[in-house]
Amino acid sequence: MDIFAQLAFDKYASYIWFSYGLTFITIAFLFLRAKTAHRDTIKQLRIKYSRDS
């Protein structure tokens, strides 16, 4: 069984690989956005609670 033959997907290869790529890009974008939002929230909480001390 040749792996590259399995990955060819016949005439639907461009659609399938485009879909895989778009899915990967979307997941990466959402991950980075969540990571940035988390970092910003932690920064805001540190600023808020450092003023209250």
Protein backbone atom coordinates (compact mmCIF):
# COMPACT_ATOMS: atom_id res chain seq x y z
CA MET A 1 0.00 0.00 0.00
CA ASP A 2 1.57 3.23 -1.15
CA ILE A 3 0.81 6.19 1.11
CA PHE A 4 1.10 8.76 -1.69
CA ALA A 5 -1.44 6.83 -3.74
CA GLN A 6 -3.87 7.05 -0.81
CA LEU A 7 -3.30 10.80 -0.50
CA ALA A 8 -4.04 11.52 -4.18
CA PHE A 9 -7.86 11.53 -3.73
CA ASP A 10 -8.37 11.28 -7.50
CA LYS A 11 -10.14 14.28 -9.06
CA TYR A 12 -11.18 15.69 -5.67
CA ALA A 13 -7.62 16.27 -4.45
CA SER A 14 -7.66 20.06 -4.81
CA TYR A 15 -10.97 20.39 -2.94
CA ILE A 16 -9.90 18.04 -0.15
CA TRP A 17 -6.44 19.59 0.37
CA PHE A 18 -7.93 23.09 0.25
CA SER A 19 -10.42 22.04 2.94
CA TYR A 20 -7.65 20.54 5.09
CA GLY A 21 -5.60 23.71 4.72
CA LEU A 22 -8.50 26.01 5.51
CA THR A 23 -9.38 23.92 8.57
CA PHE A 24 -5.79 24.01 9.83
CA ILE A 25 -5.54 27.78 9.31
CA THR A 26 -8.86 28.35 11.10
CA ILE A 27 -7.85 26.21 14.08
CA ALA A 28 -4.45 27.91 14.29
CA PHE A 29 -6.09 31.37 14.14
CA LEU A 30 -8.58 30.48 16.89
CA PHE A 31 -5.81 29.02 19.05
CA LEU A 32 -3.64 32.12 18.71
CA ARG A 33 -6.59 34.43 19.35
CA ALA A 34 -7.54 32.51 22.51
CA LYS A 35 -3.92 32.54 23.69
CA THR A 36 -3.69 36.30 23.16
CA ALA A 37 -7.01 36.91 24.94
CA HIS A 38 -5.86 34.77 27.86
CA ARG A 39 -2.57 36.66 28.12
CA ASP A 40 -4.37 40.02 28.00
CA THR A 41 -6.86 38.92 30.66
CA ILE A 42 -4.08 37.78 32.98
CA LYS A 43 -2.28 41.10 32.43
CA GLN A 44 -5.45 43.08 33.23
CA LEU A 45 -6.09 41.04 36.38
CA ARG A 46 -2.53 41.55 37.59
CA ILE A 47 -2.87 45.31 37.06
CA LYS A 48 -6.26 45.36 38.81
CA TYR A 49 -5.14 43.41 41.84
CA SER A 50 -1.79 45.18 42.16
CA ARG A 51 -3.67 48.49 42.59
CA ASP A 52 -5.89 47.05 45.33
CA SER A 53 -2.90 46.02 47.49
